[in-house]
PDB file of N, CA and C in Angstrom:
ATOM      1  N   MET A   1     -88.858   9.499 -23.095  1.00  0.00           N
ATOM      2  CA  MET A   1     -89.646   8.500 -23.567  1.00  0.00           C
ATOM      3  C   MET A   1     -89.208   7.144 -23.473  1.00  0.00           C
ATOM      4  N   PRO A   2     -89.942   6.190 -22.990  1.00  0.00           N
ATOM      5  CA  PRO A   2     -89.604   4.676 -22.835  1.00  0.00           C
ATOM      6  C   PRO A   2     -89.306   4.180 -24.241  1.00  0.00           C
ATOM      7  N   LEU A   3     -88.446   3.079 -23.911  1.00  0.00           N
ATOM      8  CA  LEU A   3     -88.035   2.317 -25.057  1.00  0.00           C
ATOM      9  C   LEU A   3     -89.052   1.316 -25.487  1.00  0.00           C
ATOM     10  N   VAL A   4     -89.788   0.709 -24.422  1.00  0.00           N
ATOM     11  CA  VAL A   4     -90.966  -0.120 -24.550  1.00  0.00           C
ATOM     12  C   VAL A   4     -92.040   0.535 -24.004  1.00  0.00           C
ATOM     13  N   ASP A   5     -93.256   0.574 -24.638  1.00  0.00           N
ATOM     14  CA  ASP A   5     -94.509   1.118 -24.325  1.00  0.00           C
ATOM     15  C   ASP A   5     -95.295   0.283 -23.551  1.00  0.00           C
ATOM     16  N   LEU A   6     -96.298   0.617 -22.501  1.00  0.00           N
ATOM     17  CA  LEU A   6     -97.030  -0.426 -21.700  1.00  0.00           C
ATOM     18  C   LEU A   6     -97.668  -1.400 -22.531  1.00  0.00           C
ATOM     19  N   ALA A   7     -98.267  -0.908 -23.699  1.00  0.00           N
ATOM     20  CA  ALA A   7     -99.083  -1.921 -24.487  1.00  0.00           C
ATOM     21  C   ALA A   7     -98.020  -3.254 -24.915  1.00  0.00           C
ATOM     22  N   THR A   8     -97.076  -3.044 -25.521  1.00  0.00           N
ATOM     23  CA  THR A   8     -96.021  -3.786 -25.974  1.00  0.00           C
ATOM     24  C   THR A   8     -95.691  -4.823 -24.557  1.00  0.00           C
ATOM     25  N   ALA A   9     -95.428  -4.076 -23.542  1.00  0.00           N
ATOM     26  CA  ALA A   9     -95.102  -4.889 -22.285  1.00  0.00           C
ATOM     27  C   ALA A   9     -96.177  -5.706 -21.675  1.00  0.00           C
ATOM     28  N   LYS A  10     -97.485  -5.367 -21.827  1.00  0.00           N
ATOM     29  CA  LYS A  10     -98.486  -6.145 -21.422  1.00  0.00           C
ATOM     30  C   LYS A  10     -98.769  -7.228 -22.281  1.00  0.00           C
ATOM     31  N   ARG A  11     -98.582  -7.040 -23.623  1.00  0.00           N
ATOM     32  CA  ARG A  11     -98.852  -8.086 -24.689  1.00  0.00           C
ATOM     33  C   ARG A  11     -97.774  -9.257 -24.413  1.00  0.00           C
ATOM     34  N   HIS A  12     -96.411  -8.847 -23.996  1.00  0.00           N
ATOM     35  CA  HIS A  12     -95.464  -9.887 -23.798  1.00  0.00           C
ATOM     36  C   HIS A  12     -95.800 -10.674 -22.516  1.00  0.00           C
ATOM     37  N   LEU A  13     -96.157  -9.911 -21.565  1.00  0.00           N
ATOM     38  CA  LEU A  13     -96.575 -10.694 -20.363  1.00  0.00           C
ATOM     39  C   LEU A  13     -97.851 -11.351 -20.278  1.00  0.00           C
ATOM     40  N   ARG A  14     -98.531 -11.066 -21.371  1.00  0.00           N
ATOM     41  CA  ARG A  14     -99.885 -11.676 -21.468  1.00  0.00           C
ATOM     42  C   ARG A  14    -100.985 -11.212 -20.514  1.00  0.00           C
ATOM     43  N   VAL A  15    -100.779  -9.885 -20.122  1.00  0.00           N
ATOM     44  CA  VAL A  15    -101.701  -9.372 -19.129  1.00  0.00           C
ATOM     45  C   VAL A  15    -102.768  -8.524 -19.885  1.00  0.00           C
ATOM     46  N   LEU A  16    -104.093  -9.079 -19.795  1.00  0.00           N
ATOM     47  CA  LEU A  16    -105.297  -8.589 -20.349  1.00  0.00           C
ATOM     48  C   LEU A  16    -105.992  -7.273 -19.553  1.00  0.00           C
ATOM     49  N   HIS A  17    -105.629  -7.296 -18.261  1.00  0.00           N
ATOM     50  CA  HIS A  17    -106.347  -6.187 -17.279  1.00  0.00           C
ATOM     51  C   HIS A  17    -105.501  -5.215 -17.196  1.00  0.00           C
ATOM     52  N   ASP A  18    -106.233  -4.211 -16.487  1.00  0.00           N
ATOM     53  CA  ASP A  18    -105.397  -2.849 -16.124  1.00  0.00           C
ATOM     54  C   ASP A  18    -104.884  -2.858 -14.636  1.00  0.00           C
ATOM     55  N   ASP A  19    -105.315  -3.863 -13.916  1.00  0.00           N
ATOM     56  CA  ASP A  19    -104.894  -3.750 -12.673  1.00  0.00           C
ATOM     57  C   ASP A  19    -103.412  -3.748 -12.007  1.00  0.00           C
ATOM     58  N   ASP A  20    -102.568  -4.352 -13.006  1.00  0.00           N
ATOM     59  CA  ASP A  20    -101.061  -4.218 -12.700  1.00  0.00           C
ATOM     60  C   ASP A  20    -100.351  -3.186 -13.523  1.00  0.00           C
ATOM     61  N   ASP A  21    -101.079  -2.187 -14.258  1.00  0.00           N
ATOM     62  CA  ASP A  21    -100.429  -1.183 -15.081  1.00  0.00           C
ATOM     63  C   ASP A  21     -99.248  -0.465 -14.296  1.00  0.00           C
ATOM     64  N   ALA A  22     -99.467   0.092 -13.183  1.00  0.00           N
ATOM     65  CA  ALA A  22     -98.393   0.801 -12.376  1.00  0.00           C
ATOM     66  C   ALA A  22     -97.185  -0.005 -12.168  1.00  0.00           C
ATOM     67  N   GLU A  23     -97.606  -1.331 -11.784  1.00  0.00           N
ATOM     68  CA  GLU A  23     -96.404  -2.099 -11.486  1.00  0.00           C
ATOM     69  C   GLU A  23     -95.735  -2.564 -12.641  1.00  0.00           C
ATOM     70  N   ILE A  24     -96.358  -2.949 -13.867  1.00  0.00           N
ATOM     71  CA  ILE A  24     -95.788  -3.241 -15.066  1.00  0.00           C
ATOM     72  C   ILE A  24     -94.881  -1.961 -15.658  1.00  0.00           C
ATOM     73  N   GLU A  25     -95.400  -0.750 -15.471  1.00  0.00           N
ATOM     74  CA  GLU A  25     -94.529   0.301 -15.907  1.00  0.00           C
ATOM     75  C   GLU A  25     -93.290   0.536 -14.900  1.00  0.00           C
ATOM     76  N   LEU A  26     -93.432   0.253 -13.654  1.00  0.00           N
ATOM     77  CA  LEU A  26     -92.235   0.160 -12.758  1.00  0.00           C
ATOM     78  C   LEU A  26     -91.246  -0.869 -13.331  1.00  0.00           C
ATOM     79  N   TYR A  27     -91.620  -2.044 -13.420  1.00  0.00           N
ATOM     80  CA  TYR A  27     -90.740  -3.257 -13.913  1.00  0.00           C
ATOM     81  C   TYR A  27     -90.170  -2.893 -15.200  1.00  0.00           C
ATOM     82  N   THR A  28     -90.924  -2.229 -16.141  1.00  0.00           N
ATOM     83  CA  THR A  28     -90.451  -2.017 -17.404  1.00  0.00           C
ATOM     84  C   THR A  28     -89.466  -1.043 -17.588  1.00  0.00           C
ATOM     85  N   SER A  29     -89.379   0.200 -16.624  1.00  0.00           N
ATOM     86  CA  SER A  29     -88.586   0.985 -16.397  1.00  0.00           C
ATOM     87  C   SER A  29     -87.394   0.383 -15.862  1.00  0.00           C
ATOM     88  N   ALA A  30     -87.522  -0.288 -14.847  1.00  0.00           N
ATOM     89  CA  ALA A  30     -86.388  -1.126 -14.138  1.00  0.00           C
ATOM     90  C   ALA A  30     -85.579  -1.921 -15.229  1.00  0.00           C
ATOM     91  N   ALA A  31     -86.350  -2.656 -16.164  1.00  0.00           N
ATOM     92  CA  ALA A  31     -85.658  -3.486 -17.052  1.00  0.00           C
ATOM     93  C   ALA A  31     -84.852  -2.745 -18.027  1.00  0.00           C
ATOM     94  N   GLU A  32     -85.506  -1.666 -18.365  1.00  0.00           N
ATOM     95  CA  GLU A  32     -84.796  -0.695 -19.514  1.00  0.00           C
ATOM     96  C   GLU A  32     -83.486  -0.213 -18.609  1.00  0.00           C
ATOM     97  N   ASN A  33     -83.658   0.221 -17.443  1.00  0.00           N
ATOM     98  CA  ASN A  33     -82.461   0.732 -16.793  1.00  0.00           C
ATOM     99  C   ASN A  33     -81.197  -0.401 -16.779  1.00  0.00           C
ATOM    100  N   ILE A  34     -81.806  -1.622 -16.239  1.00  0.00           N
ATOM    101  CA  ILE A  34     -80.629  -2.550 -16.253  1.00  0.00           C
ATOM    102  C   ILE A  34     -80.239  -2.972 -17.686  1.00  0.00           C
ATOM    103  N   VAL A  35     -80.823  -3.027 -18.624  1.00  0.00           N
ATOM    104  CA  VAL A  35     -80.373  -3.041 -20.052  1.00  0.00           C
ATOM    105  C   VAL A  35     -79.258  -2.053 -20.500  1.00  0.00           C
ATOM    106  N   VAL A  36     -79.716  -0.787 -20.206  1.00  0.00           N
ATOM    107  CA  VAL A  36     -79.046   0.446 -20.461  1.00  0.00           C
ATOM    108  C   VAL A  36     -77.660   0.499 -19.721  1.00  0.00           C
ATOM    109  N   GLU A  37     -77.583   0.238 -18.529  1.00  0.00           N
ATOM    110  CA  GLU A  37     -76.486   0.184 -17.622  1.00  0.00           C
ATOM    111  C   GLU A  37     -75.580  -0.972 -18.234  1.00  0.00           C
ATOM    112  N   TYR A  38     -76.034  -2.113 -18.526  1.00  0.00           N
ATOM    113  CA  TYR A  38     -75.344  -3.175 -19.080  1.00  0.00           C
ATOM    114  C   TYR A  38     -74.425  -2.706 -20.549  1.00  0.00           C
ATOM    115  N   LEU A  39     -75.272  -2.030 -21.206  1.00  0.00           N
ATOM    116  CA  LEU A  39     -74.804  -1.637 -22.574  1.00  0.00           C
ATOM    117  C   LEU A  39     -73.771  -0.588 -22.107  1.00  0.00           C
ATOM    118  N   ASP A  40     -73.737   0.147 -21.316  1.00  0.00           N
ATOM    119  CA  ASP A  40     -73.015   1.288 -21.073  1.00  0.00           C
ATOM    120  C   ASP A  40     -72.851   2.265 -22.171  1.00  0.00           C
ATOM    121  N   ARG A  41     -74.146   2.694 -22.647  1.00  0.00           N
ATOM    122  CA  ARG A  41     -74.232   3.642 -23.701  1.00  0.00           C
ATOM    123  C   ARG A  41     -75.622   4.301 -23.524  1.00  0.00           C
ATOM    124  N   VAL A  42     -75.849   5.384 -24.367  1.00  0.00           N
ATOM    125  CA  VAL A  42     -77.243   6.044 -24.286  1.00  0.00           C
ATOM    126  C   VAL A  42     -77.972   5.194 -25.421  1.00  0.00           C
ATOM    127  N   VAL A  43     -79.297   4.814 -25.040  1.00  0.00           N
ATOM    128  CA  VAL A  43     -79.961   4.140 -26.098  1.00  0.00           C
ATOM    129  C   VAL A  43     -81.354   5.023 -26.167  1.00  0.00           C
ATOM    130  N   LEU A  44     -81.557   5.486 -27.346  1.00  0.00           N
ATOM    131  CA  LEU A  44     -82.808   6.385 -27.736  1.00  0.00           C
ATOM    132  C   LEU A  44     -83.803   5.633 -28.323  1.00  0.00           C
ATOM    133  N   PRO A  45     -85.136   5.874 -28.257  1.00  0.00           N
ATOM    134  CA  PRO A  45     -86.189   5.404 -29.019  1.00  0.00           C
ATOM    135  C   PRO A  45     -86.029   5.512 -30.590  1.00  0.00           C
ATOM    136  N   ALA A  46     -86.586   4.651 -31.156  1.00  0.00           N
ATOM    137  CA  ALA A  46     -86.525   4.866 -32.615  1.00  0.00           C
ATOM    138  C   ALA A  46     -87.202   6.219 -33.021  1.00  0.00           C
ATOM    139  N   GLY A  47     -86.521   6.810 -34.113  1.00  0.00           N
ATOM    140  CA  GLY A  47     -86.963   7.816 -34.465  1.00  0.00           C
ATOM    141  C   GLY A  47     -86.374   9.181 -33.915  1.00  0.00           C
ATOM    142  N   GLU A  48     -85.663   8.945 -32.778  1.00  0.00           N
ATOM    143  CA  GLU A  48     -84.973  10.096 -32.364  1.00  0.00           C
ATOM    144  C   GLU A  48     -83.788  10.516 -32.966  1.00  0.00           C
ATOM    145  N   THR A  49     -83.219  11.524 -32.747  1.00  0.00           N
ATOM    146  CA  THR A  49     -81.897  12.083 -33.360  1.00  0.00           C
ATOM    147  C   THR A  49     -80.722  11.750 -32.577  1.00  0.00           C
ATOM    148  N   LEU A  50     -79.879  10.995 -33.109  1.00  0.00           N
ATOM    149  CA  LEU A  50     -78.461  10.805 -32.298  1.00  0.00           C
ATOM    150  C   LEU A  50     -77.731  12.092 -31.894  1.00  0.00           C
ATOM    151  N   PRO A  51     -77.275  12.266 -30.814  1.00  0.00           N
ATOM    152  CA  PRO A  51     -76.423  13.249 -30.333  1.00  0.00           C
ATOM    153  C   PRO A  51     -75.166  13.273 -31.134  1.00  0.00           C
ATOM    154  N   PRO A  52     -74.838  14.344 -31.723  1.00  0.00           N
ATOM    155  CA  PRO A  52     -73.474  14.337 -32.502  1.00  0.00           C
ATOM    156  C   PRO A  52     -72.221  14.309 -31.611  1.00  0.00           C
ATOM    157  N   ASP A  53     -72.389  14.458 -30.363  1.00  0.00           N
ATOM    158  CA  ASP A  53     -71.253  14.761 -29.485  1.00  0.00           C
ATOM    159  C   ASP A  53     -70.988  13.302 -28.754  1.00  0.00           C
ATOM    160  N   ASP A  54     -71.910  12.336 -29.001  1.00  0.00           N
ATOM    161  CA  ASP A  54     -71.858  11.055 -28.212  1.00  0.00           C
ATOM    162  C   ASP A  54     -71.715   9.775 -29.103  1.00  0.00           C
ATOM    163  N   PRO A  55     -70.484   9.444 -29.484  1.00  0.00           N
ATOM    164  CA  PRO A  55     -70.187   8.397 -30.652  1.00  0.00           C
ATOM    165  C   PRO A  55     -70.729   6.831 -30.095  1.00  0.00           C
ATOM    166  N   THR A  56     -70.930   6.845 -28.846  1.00  0.00           N
ATOM    167  CA  THR A  56     -71.727   5.603 -28.400  1.00  0.00           C
ATOM    168  C   THR A  56     -73.111   5.442 -28.394  1.00  0.00           C
ATOM    169  N   ALA A  57     -73.560   6.597 -28.441  1.00  0.00           N
ATOM    170  CA  ALA A  57     -75.190   6.631 -28.431  1.00  0.00           C
ATOM    171  C   ALA A  57     -75.829   5.899 -29.449  1.00  0.00           C
ATOM    172  N   MET A  58     -76.919   5.242 -29.450  1.00  0.00           N
ATOM    173  CA  MET A  58     -77.563   4.465 -30.606  1.00  0.00           C
ATOM    174  C   MET A  58     -79.094   4.413 -30.554  1.00  0.00           C
ATOM    175  N   LEU A  59     -79.559   4.213 -31.432  1.00  0.00           N
ATOM    176  CA  LEU A  59     -81.096   3.981 -31.365  1.00  0.00           C
ATOM    177  C   LEU A  59     -81.460   2.497 -31.103  1.00  0.00           C
ATOM    178  N   VAL A  60     -82.633   2.372 -30.258  1.00  0.00           N
ATOM    179  CA  VAL A  60     -83.013   0.817 -30.100  1.00  0.00           C
ATOM    180  C   VAL A  60     -83.138   0.083 -31.115  1.00  0.00           C
ATOM    181  N   THR A  61     -82.812  -1.129 -30.958  1.00  0.00           N
ATOM    182  CA  THR A  61     -82.877  -2.150 -31.934  1.00  0.00           C
ATOM    183  C   THR A  61     -83.873  -3.346 -31.461  1.00  0.00           C
ATOM    184  N   PRO A  62     -84.284  -4.125 -32.349  1.00  0.00           N
ATOM    185  CA  PRO A  62     -85.201  -5.154 -31.983  1.00  0.00           C
ATOM    186  C   PRO A  62     -84.525  -6.106 -31.090  1.00  0.00           C
ATOM    187  N   SER A  63     -83.302  -6.347 -31.089  1.00  0.00           N
ATOM    188  CA  SER A  63     -82.736  -7.367 -29.893  1.00  0.00           C
ATOM    189  C   SER A  63     -82.548  -6.499 -28.637  1.00  0.00           C
ATOM    190  N   ILE A  64     -82.445  -5.339 -28.592  1.00  0.00           N
ATOM    191  CA  ILE A  64     -82.699  -4.614 -27.353  1.00  0.00           C
ATOM    192  C   ILE A  64     -83.957  -4.417 -26.778  1.00  0.00           C
ATOM    193  N   VAL A  65     -84.792  -4.402 -27.645  1.00  0.00           N
ATOM    194  CA  VAL A  65     -86.345  -4.325 -27.066  1.00  0.00           C
ATOM    195  C   VAL A  65     -86.561  -5.846 -26.560  1.00  0.00           C
ATOM    196  N   ALA A  66     -86.254  -7.059 -27.248  1.00  0.00           N
ATOM    197  CA  ALA A  66     -86.207  -8.156 -26.676  1.00  0.00           C
ATOM    198  C   ALA A  66     -85.671  -8.607 -25.513  1.00  0.00           C
ATOM    199  N   ALA A  67     -84.517  -8.004 -25.375  1.00  0.00           N
ATOM    200  CA  ALA A  67     -83.746  -8.234 -24.014  1.00  0.00           C
ATOM    201  C   ALA A  67     -84.560  -7.448 -22.915  1.00  0.00           C
ATOM    202  N   ILE A  68     -85.195  -6.212 -23.123  1.00  0.00           N
ATOM    203  CA  ILE A  68     -85.795  -5.446 -22.167  1.00  0.00           C
ATOM    204  C   ILE A  68     -87.065  -6.344 -21.818  1.00  0.00           C
ATOM    205  N   LEU A  69     -87.800  -6.920 -22.577  1.00  0.00           N
ATOM    206  CA  LEU A  69     -88.851  -7.636 -22.469  1.00  0.00           C
ATOM    207  C   LEU A  69     -88.669  -9.004 -21.660  1.00  0.00           C
ATOM    208  N   LEU A  70     -87.547  -9.530 -21.996  1.00  0.00           N
ATOM    209  CA  LEU A  70     -87.119 -10.836 -21.167  1.00  0.00           C
ATOM    210  C   LEU A  70     -86.923 -10.377 -19.866  1.00  0.00           C
ATOM    211  N   MET A  71     -86.162  -9.228 -19.837  1.00  0.00           N
ATOM    212  CA  MET A  71     -85.853  -8.736 -18.316  1.00  0.00           C
ATOM    213  C   MET A  71     -87.107  -8.443 -17.583  1.00  0.00           C
ATOM    214  N   LEU A  72     -87.944  -7.837 -18.134  1.00  0.00           N
ATOM    215  CA  LEU A  72     -89.346  -7.468 -17.806  1.00  0.00           C
ATOM    216  C   LEU A  72     -90.028  -8.656 -17.252  1.00  0.00           C
ATOM    217  N   GLY A  73     -90.082  -9.563 -18.115  1.00  0.00           N
ATOM    218  CA  GLY A  73     -90.714 -11.141 -17.682  1.00  0.00           C
ATOM    219  C   GLY A  73     -90.261 -11.491 -16.405  1.00  0.00           C
ATOM    220  N   ASP A  74     -88.811 -11.407 -16.249  1.00  0.00           N
ATOM    221  CA  ASP A  74     -88.185 -11.977 -15.206  1.00  0.00           C
ATOM    222  C   ASP A  74     -88.511 -11.155 -13.858  1.00  0.00           C
ATOM    223  N   LEU A  75     -88.539  -9.970 -14.148  1.00  0.00           N
ATOM    224  CA  LEU A  75     -88.827  -9.050 -12.938  1.00  0.00           C
ATOM    225  C   LEU A  75     -90.366  -9.189 -12.377  1.00  0.00           C
ATOM    226  N   TYR A  76     -91.228  -9.361 -13.476  1.00  0.00           N
ATOM    227  CA  TYR A  76     -92.781  -9.572 -13.079  1.00  0.00           C
ATOM    228  C   TYR A  76     -93.050 -10.910 -12.709  1.00  0.00           C
ATOM    229  N   GLU A  77     -92.246 -11.887 -13.065  1.00  0.00           N
ATOM    230  CA  GLU A  77     -92.767 -13.193 -12.567  1.00  0.00           C
ATOM    231  C   GLU A  77     -91.950 -13.517 -11.322  1.00  0.00           C
ATOM    232  N   ASN A  78     -90.755 -13.036 -10.929  1.00  0.00           N
ATOM    233  CA  ASN A  78     -90.004 -13.399  -9.791  1.00  0.00           C
ATOM    234  C   ASN A  78     -89.887 -12.025  -8.942  1.00  0.00           C
ATOM    235  N   ARG A  79     -91.015 -11.767  -8.359  1.00  0.00           N
ATOM    236  CA  ARG A  79     -91.079 -10.612  -7.411  1.00  0.00           C
ATOM    237  C   ARG A  79     -90.340 -10.674  -6.170  1.00  0.00           C
ATOM    238  N   GLU A  80     -90.064 -11.870  -5.786  1.00  0.00           N
ATOM    239  CA  GLU A  80     -89.330 -11.859  -4.379  1.00  0.00           C
ATOM    240  C   GLU A  80     -87.715 -12.400  -4.664  1.00  0.00           C
ATOM    241  N   ALA A  81     -87.073 -12.071  -3.667  1.00  0.00           N
ATOM    242  CA  ALA A  81     -85.643 -12.412  -3.883  1.00  0.00           C
ATOM    243  C   ALA A  81     -85.624 -13.901  -3.801  1.00  0.00           C
ATOM    244  N   ASP A  82     -84.804 -14.586  -4.569  1.00  0.00           N
ATOM    245  CA  ASP A  82     -84.541 -16.106  -4.561  1.00  0.00           C
ATOM    246  C   ASP A  82     -83.383 -16.559  -3.761  1.00  0.00           C
ATOM    247  N   ARG A  83     -83.800 -17.041  -2.725  1.00  0.00           N
ATOM    248  CA  ARG A  83     -82.955 -17.394  -1.629  1.00  0.00           C
ATOM    249  C   ARG A  83     -82.005 -18.571  -2.092  1.00  0.00           C
ATOM    250  N   GLU A  84     -82.627 -19.595  -3.057  1.00  0.00           N
ATOM    251  CA  GLU A  84     -82.034 -20.646  -3.571  1.00  0.00           C
ATOM    252  C   GLU A  84     -80.955 -20.335  -4.593  1.00  0.00           C
ATOM    253  N   GLN A  85     -80.887 -19.223  -5.007  1.00  0.00           N
ATOM    254  CA  GLN A  85     -80.003 -18.945  -6.378  1.00  0.00           C
ATOM    255  C   GLN A  85     -78.799 -19.181  -6.071  1.00  0.00           C
ATOM    256  N   LYS A  86     -78.069 -20.035  -6.843  1.00  0.00           N
ATOM    257  CA  LYS A  86     -76.632 -20.286  -6.736  1.00  0.00           C
ATOM    258  C   LYS A  86     -75.843 -19.306  -7.433  1.00  0.00           C
ATOM    259  N   SER A  87     -76.339 -18.318  -8.481  1.00  0.00           N
ATOM    260  CA  SER A  87     -75.445 -17.560  -9.141  1.00  0.00           C
ATOM    261  C   SER A  87     -75.760 -16.131  -8.585  1.00  0.00           C
ATOM    262  N   ASP A  88     -74.653 -15.148  -8.789  1.00  0.00           N
ATOM    263  CA  ASP A  88     -74.960 -13.846  -8.480  1.00  0.00           C
ATOM    264  C   ASP A  88     -75.314 -12.932  -9.667  1.00  0.00           C
ATOM    265  N   SER A  89     -75.587 -13.613 -10.727  1.00  0.00           N
ATOM    266  CA  SER A  89     -75.886 -13.014 -12.077  1.00  0.00           C
ATOM    267  C   SER A  89     -77.390 -12.434 -11.883  1.00  0.00           C
ATOM    268  N   VAL A  90     -77.701 -11.318 -12.215  1.00  0.00           N
ATOM    269  CA  VAL A  90     -79.032 -10.648 -12.121  1.00  0.00           C
ATOM    270  C   VAL A  90     -79.536 -10.737 -13.425  1.00  0.00           C
ATOM    271  N   MET A  91     -78.979 -10.937 -14.539  1.00  0.00           N
ATOM    272  CA  MET A  91     -79.315 -10.877 -15.743  1.00  0.00           C
ATOM    273  C   MET A  91     -79.478 -12.529 -16.440  1.00  0.00           C
ATOM    274  N   PRO A  92     -80.541 -12.793 -17.090  1.00  0.00           N
ATOM    275  CA  PRO A  92     -80.657 -14.013 -17.590  1.00  0.00           C
ATOM    276  C   PRO A  92     -79.600 -14.192 -18.848  1.00  0.00           C
ATOM    277  N   PRO A  93     -79.118 -15.382 -19.006  1.00  0.00           N
ATOM    278  CA  PRO A  93     -78.164 -15.580 -20.101  1.00  0.00           C
ATOM    279  C   PRO A  93     -78.694 -15.107 -21.488  1.00  0.00           C
ATOM    280  N   ALA A  94     -80.023 -15.370 -21.799  1.00  0.00           N
ATOM    281  CA  ALA A  94     -80.425 -14.985 -23.011  1.00  0.00           C
ATOM    282  C   ALA A  94     -80.441 -13.253 -23.181  1.00  0.00           C
ATOM    283  N   VAL A  95     -80.721 -12.743 -22.201  1.00  0.00           N
ATOM    284  CA  VAL A  95     -80.523 -11.070 -22.248  1.00  0.00           C
ATOM    285  C   VAL A  95     -79.191 -10.782 -22.594  1.00  0.00           C
ATOM    286  N   ARG A  96     -78.229 -11.315 -21.770  1.00  0.00           N
ATOM    287  CA  ARG A  96     -76.739 -11.172 -22.291  1.00  0.00           C
ATOM    288  C   ARG A  96     -76.429 -11.427 -23.534  1.00  0.00           C
ATOM    289  N   ALA A  97     -76.895 -12.513 -24.069  1.00  0.00           N
ATOM    290  CA  ALA A  97     -76.620 -12.830 -25.571  1.00  0.00           C
ATOM    291  C   ALA A  97     -77.419 -11.863 -26.347  1.00  0.00           C
ATOM    292  N   LEU A  98     -78.384 -11.451 -26.159  1.00  0.00           N
ATOM    293  CA  LEU A  98     -79.141 -10.373 -26.954  1.00  0.00           C
ATOM    294  C   LEU A  98     -78.260  -9.023 -27.111  1.00  0.00           C
ATOM    295  N   LEU A  99     -77.783  -8.768 -26.003  1.00  0.00           N
ATOM    296  CA  LEU A  99     -77.129  -7.435 -25.575  1.00  0.00           C
ATOM    297  C   LEU A  99     -75.692  -7.441 -26.085  1.00  0.00           C
ATOM    298  N   ALA A 100     -74.991  -8.422 -26.142  1.00  0.00           N
ATOM    299  CA  ALA A 100     -73.584  -8.723 -26.400  1.00  0.00           C
ATOM    300  C   ALA A 100     -72.911  -7.806 -27.479  1.00  0.00           C
ATOM    301  N   PRO A 101     -73.667  -8.042 -28.824  1.00  0.00           N
ATOM    302  CA  PRO A 101     -73.098  -7.086 -29.868  1.00  0.00           C
ATOM    303  C   PRO A 101     -73.132  -5.737 -29.688  1.00  0.00           C
ATOM    304  N   TRP A 102     -73.966  -5.145 -28.683  1.00  0.00           N
ATOM    305  CA  TRP A 102     -74.149  -3.800 -28.627  1.00  0.00           C
ATOM    306  C   TRP A 102     -73.407  -3.154 -27.531  1.00  0.00           C
ATOM    307  N   ARG A 103     -72.943  -4.032 -26.547  1.00  0.00           N
ATOM    308  CA  ARG A 103     -72.213  -3.606 -25.392  1.00  0.00           C
ATOM    309  C   ARG A 103     -71.031  -2.765 -25.682  1.00  0.00           C
ATOM    310  N   VAL A 104     -70.844  -1.756 -24.847  1.00  0.00           N
ATOM    311  CA  VAL A 104     -69.677  -0.986 -25.045  1.00  0.00           C
ATOM    312  C   VAL A 104     -68.650  -1.588 -23.971  1.00  0.00           C
ATOM    313  N   TRP A 105     -67.392  -2.013 -24.648  1.00  0.00           N
ATOM    314  CA  TRP A 105     -66.317  -2.691 -23.796  1.00  0.00           C
ATOM    315  C   TRP A 105     -65.263  -1.501 -23.643  1.00  0.00           C
ATOM    316  N   ARG A 106     -64.988  -1.197 -22.437  1.00  0.00           N
ATOM    317  CA  ARG A 106     -64.098  -0.017 -22.118  1.00  0.00           C
ATOM    318  C   ARG A 106     -62.772  -0.686 -21.655  1.00  0.00           C
ATOM    319  N   MET A 107     -61.635  -0.221 -22.182  1.00  0.00           N
ATOM    320  CA  MET A 107     -60.145  -0.456 -21.741  1.00  0.00           C
ATOM    321  C   MET A 107     -59.869   0.318 -20.421  1.00  0.00           C
ATOM    322  N   ILE A 108     -59.417  -0.273 -19.562  1.00  0.00           N
ATOM    323  CA  ILE A 108     -58.956   0.421 -18.366  1.00  0.00           C
ATOM    324  C   ILE A 108     -57.479   0.357 -18.475  1.00  0.00           C
ATOM    325  N   ASP A 109     -56.806   1.636 -18.251  1.00  0.00           N
ATOM    326  CA  ASP A 109     -55.342   1.840 -18.251  1.00  0.00           C
ATOM    327  C   ASP A 109     -54.876   1.412 -16.893  1.00  0.00           C
ATOM    328  N   CYS A 110     -54.005   0.313 -16.734  1.00  0.00           N
ATOM    329  CA  CYS A 110     -53.438  -0.209 -15.409  1.00  0.00           C
ATOM    330  C   CYS A 110     -51.936   0.187 -15.478  1.00  0.00           C
ATOM    331  N   PRO A 111     -51.543   0.699 -14.334  1.00  0.00           N
ATOM    332  CA  PRO A 111     -50.122   0.906 -14.279  1.00  0.00           C
ATOM    333  C   PRO A 111     -49.365  -0.154 -14.181  1.00  0.00           C
ATOM    334  N   GLU A 112     -48.259  -0.248 -14.818  1.00  0.00           N
ATOM    335  CA  GLU A 112     -47.179  -1.345 -15.025  1.00  0.00           C
ATOM    336  C   GLU A 112     -46.615  -1.599 -13.739  1.00  0.00           C
ATOM    337  N   ALA A 113     -46.555  -2.946 -13.425  1.00  0.00           N
ATOM    338  CA  ALA A 113     -46.062  -3.352 -12.105  1.00  0.00           C
ATOM    339  C   ALA A 113     -44.513  -3.221 -12.134  1.00  0.00           C
TER     340      ALA A 113
END
């Protein structure tokens, strides 16, 4: 089940026609994948039951939905690669700011020198 439904995505994009529905669903799925990968945790739709064996799993929050919608807007409006882009960041700063409190930061064990 998606975290953001098509109607919400279209309202965010201010799309009133059905011509782009398949493309909007594709971009919404991609935006959700980007956000969930960045969070490094399982994110379930509201109303789902959290798995007891996954301590990092969480239910979607309004800030996560907002981040997905902002990412969707970026993907929908910027459909071509930006050759002038000076940064290697694929995520707008506002999206990172919305997700920061929910991101799982993992420690990597490094052998001592």
